[in-house]
Amino acid sequence: LGCCQLFRVWSFVPGPQALPAPLSEAHHFSPAVAASAAMPALTMLAEDAEAKYGDYRRWSSVLVPLSTLVFPAVGFGAFTLYLFSEDFAFQ
């Protein structure tokens, strides 16, 4: 019941009469705010982050055999060695 009351308190926005008084420095220029507003415009200058066709063929020729043959063989081999060790079913 206490958790539900806390959830109720945190879930709703207070009414306008509970808001603090506005600050008098509302027209103060902030360089940090101006820089953060300009950041989305700077992303238009960057090149798209996508793999080119040649990169895809190069990486797939390495990662497919590595992920389907080498990693499972090492994993199953390590498990087999652990299975036949003295520490496997130690109580």
Protein backbone atom coordinates (compact mmCIF):
# COMPACT_ATOMS: atom_id res chain seq x y z
CA LEU A 1 0.00 0.00 0.00
CA GLY A 2 2.89 2.33 0.76
CA CYS A 3 4.42 1.72 -2.68
CA CYS A 4 1.12 2.63 -4.34
CA GLN A 5 0.99 5.90 -2.41
CA LEU A 6 4.55 6.76 -3.45
CA PHE A 7 3.70 5.94 -7.06
CA ARG A 8 0.65 8.21 -6.84
CA VAL A 9 2.74 11.08 -5.48
CA TRP A 10 5.44 10.75 -8.17
CA SER A 11 3.04 10.23 -11.07
CA PHE A 12 1.11 13.48 -11.15
CA VAL A 13 2.20 17.01 -11.98
CA PRO A 14 1.43 19.66 -9.34
CA GLY A 15 -1.13 22.35 -10.07
CA PRO A 16 -0.17 25.87 -11.15
CA GLN A 17 -0.64 27.23 -7.61
CA ALA A 18 2.21 24.94 -6.41
CA LEU A 19 4.76 26.25 -8.92
CA PRO A 20 7.66 28.35 -7.64
CA ALA A 21 7.85 32.05 -8.46
CA PRO A 22 9.48 32.80 -11.85
CA LEU A 23 13.07 33.96 -11.81
CA SER A 24 13.83 37.59 -12.66
CA GLU A 25 16.76 36.57 -14.91
CA ALA A 26 14.54 35.11 -17.64
CA HIS A 27 16.23 37.12 -20.41
CA HIS A 28 19.77 36.16 -19.44
CA PHE A 29 21.83 34.79 -22.37
CA SER A 30 23.39 31.42 -21.73
CA PRO A 31 26.16 30.25 -24.11
CA ALA A 32 25.66 26.62 -23.05
CA VAL A 33 22.01 26.73 -24.09
CA ALA A 34 22.91 28.36 -27.39
CA ALA A 35 25.57 25.72 -28.10
CA SER A 36 23.21 22.86 -27.26
CA ALA A 37 20.60 24.38 -29.58
CA ALA A 38 23.14 24.50 -32.43
CA MET A 39 24.28 20.88 -32.04
CA PRO A 40 21.48 19.28 -34.15
CA ALA A 41 22.42 21.57 -37.05
CA LEU A 42 26.03 20.40 -36.86
CA THR A 43 24.98 16.78 -37.36
CA MET A 44 23.91 17.60 -40.91
CA LEU A 45 27.56 18.12 -41.79
CA ALA A 46 28.54 14.56 -40.86
CA GLU A 47 28.48 11.68 -43.32
CA ASP A 48 25.98 8.89 -42.85
CA ALA A 49 27.23 6.14 -40.55
CA GLU A 50 26.49 3.14 -42.73
CA ALA A 51 28.62 0.31 -43.99
CA LYS A 52 29.63 0.39 -47.61
CA TYR A 53 29.14 -2.68 -49.78
CA GLY A 54 32.85 -3.59 -49.78
CA ASP A 55 33.00 -3.34 -45.98
CA TYR A 56 30.04 -5.71 -45.68
CA ARG A 57 31.71 -8.41 -47.78
CA ARG A 58 35.01 -8.09 -45.93
CA TRP A 59 33.49 -8.29 -42.43
CA SER A 60 31.01 -11.04 -43.27
CA SER A 61 33.80 -13.21 -44.64
CA VAL A 62 35.49 -13.01 -41.22
CA LEU A 63 32.61 -12.86 -38.76
CA VAL A 64 30.37 -15.60 -40.17
CA PRO A 65 32.94 -18.42 -39.88
CA LEU A 66 34.17 -17.00 -36.59
CA SER A 67 30.71 -16.88 -35.01
CA THR A 68 29.43 -20.18 -36.46
CA LEU A 69 32.54 -22.39 -36.28
CA VAL A 70 35.26 -21.05 -34.01
CA PHE A 71 33.30 -19.64 -31.05
CA PRO A 72 30.99 -22.67 -30.66
CA ALA A 73 33.91 -25.10 -31.01
CA VAL A 74 35.88 -23.29 -28.31
CA GLY A 75 32.81 -23.03 -26.06
CA PHE A 76 31.77 -26.65 -26.42
CA GLY A 77 35.38 -27.81 -26.06
CA ALA A 78 35.80 -25.83 -22.84
CA PHE A 79 32.54 -27.24 -21.51
CA THR A 80 33.62 -30.80 -22.42
CA LEU A 81 36.91 -30.35 -20.59
CA TYR A 82 35.04 -28.96 -17.58
CA LEU A 83 32.55 -31.84 -17.77
CA PHE A 84 35.32 -34.43 -17.41
CA SER A 85 37.26 -32.53 -14.74
CA GLU A 86 37.12 -33.28 -11.04
CA ASP A 87 35.35 -29.98 -10.27
CA PHE A 88 32.25 -30.67 -12.38
CA ALA A 89 29.92 -32.37 -9.89
CA PHE A 90 31.76 -31.48 -6.69
CA GLN A 91 29.48 -31.31 -3.69
